[in-house]
């Protein structure tokens, strides 16, 4: 799931986030906001939220992995 946040070049090269915004991820949407709509502030705020979301997912994964170790 975290790999989706790293797949910007693949999605951008294949579809550009289109048609419309059907294949947009948060990363491609932030790119469009910053460079096409010239809305750098909103794009920056989304980047912070994106980082927090990834951090929460990593922490949950680490907690689950540690729980599995304790069960064994």
Protein backbone atom coordinates (compact mmCIF):
# COMPACT_ATOMS: atom_id res chain seq x y z
CA UNK A 1 0.00 0.00 0.00
CA UNK A 2 2.83 2.39 0.79
CA UNK A 3 4.30 1.72 -2.66
CA UNK A 4 1.37 3.64 -4.20
CA UNK A 5 2.87 6.82 -2.77
CA UNK A 6 6.13 6.06 -4.62
CA UNK A 7 4.55 5.26 -7.98
CA UNK A 8 4.26 8.84 -9.27
CA UNK A 9 6.54 8.39 -12.33
CA UNK A 10 4.74 5.25 -13.47
CA UNK A 11 1.25 6.72 -13.17
CA UNK A 12 2.28 10.06 -14.64
CA UNK A 13 4.02 8.50 -17.65
CA UNK A 14 1.20 6.07 -18.40
CA UNK A 15 -1.93 8.15 -17.81
CA UNK A 16 -1.04 11.58 -16.48
CA UNK A 17 -3.71 11.03 -13.85
CA UNK A 18 -6.39 10.90 -16.50
CA UNK A 19 -8.83 10.52 -18.08
CA UNK A 20 -10.14 13.37 -16.01
CA UNK A 21 -8.90 12.42 -12.57
CA UNK A 22 -9.83 8.73 -12.60
CA UNK A 23 -6.29 7.44 -12.01
CA UNK A 24 -5.06 10.26 -9.76
CA UNK A 25 -3.33 9.30 -6.56
CA UNK A 26 -2.71 11.88 -3.88
CA UNK A 27 0.79 12.41 -5.28
CA UNK A 28 -0.34 13.09 -8.86
CA UNK A 29 -3.16 15.29 -7.56
CA UNK A 30 -0.65 17.36 -5.54
CA UNK A 31 1.51 17.73 -8.64
CA UNK A 32 -1.44 18.98 -10.68
CA UNK A 33 -2.40 21.42 -7.94
CA UNK A 34 1.11 22.83 -7.67
CA UNK A 35 2.10 23.07 -11.33
CA UNK A 36 -1.11 23.29 -13.35
CA UNK A 37 -3.42 25.15 -10.98
CA UNK A 38 -0.56 27.16 -9.40
CA UNK A 39 -1.95 26.36 -5.95
CA UNK A 40 1.31 25.64 -4.15
CA UNK A 41 -0.07 26.26 -0.66
CA UNK A 42 -2.80 23.66 -0.93
CA UNK A 43 -0.38 21.21 -2.52
CA UNK A 44 2.09 21.75 0.33
CA UNK A 45 -0.62 21.18 2.91
CA UNK A 46 -1.60 17.95 1.18
CA UNK A 47 2.05 16.85 1.25
CA UNK A 48 2.11 17.27 5.03
CA UNK A 49 -1.11 15.27 5.38
CA UNK A 50 0.31 12.63 3.03
CA UNK A 51 3.44 12.35 5.17
CA UNK A 52 1.36 11.99 8.33
CA UNK A 53 -0.76 9.29 6.69
CA UNK A 54 2.31 7.31 5.62
CA UNK A 55 3.82 7.71 9.09
CA UNK A 56 0.67 6.33 10.72
CA UNK A 57 0.61 3.37 8.32
CA UNK A 58 4.27 2.57 9.03
CA UNK A 59 3.72 2.78 12.78
CA UNK A 60 0.70 0.47 12.56
CA UNK A 61 2.71 -1.99 10.50
CA UNK A 62 5.60 -1.95 12.96
CA UNK A 63 3.22 -2.47 15.85
CA UNK A 64 1.59 -5.43 14.10
CA UNK A 65 4.99 -6.93 13.28
CA UNK A 66 6.10 -6.56 16.89
CA UNK A 67 2.83 -8.15 18.07
CA UNK A 68 3.47 -11.15 15.82
CA UNK A 69 6.95 -11.56 17.34
CA UNK A 70 5.53 -11.59 20.86
CA UNK A 71 2.94 -14.22 19.95
CA UNK A 72 5.60 -16.67 18.73
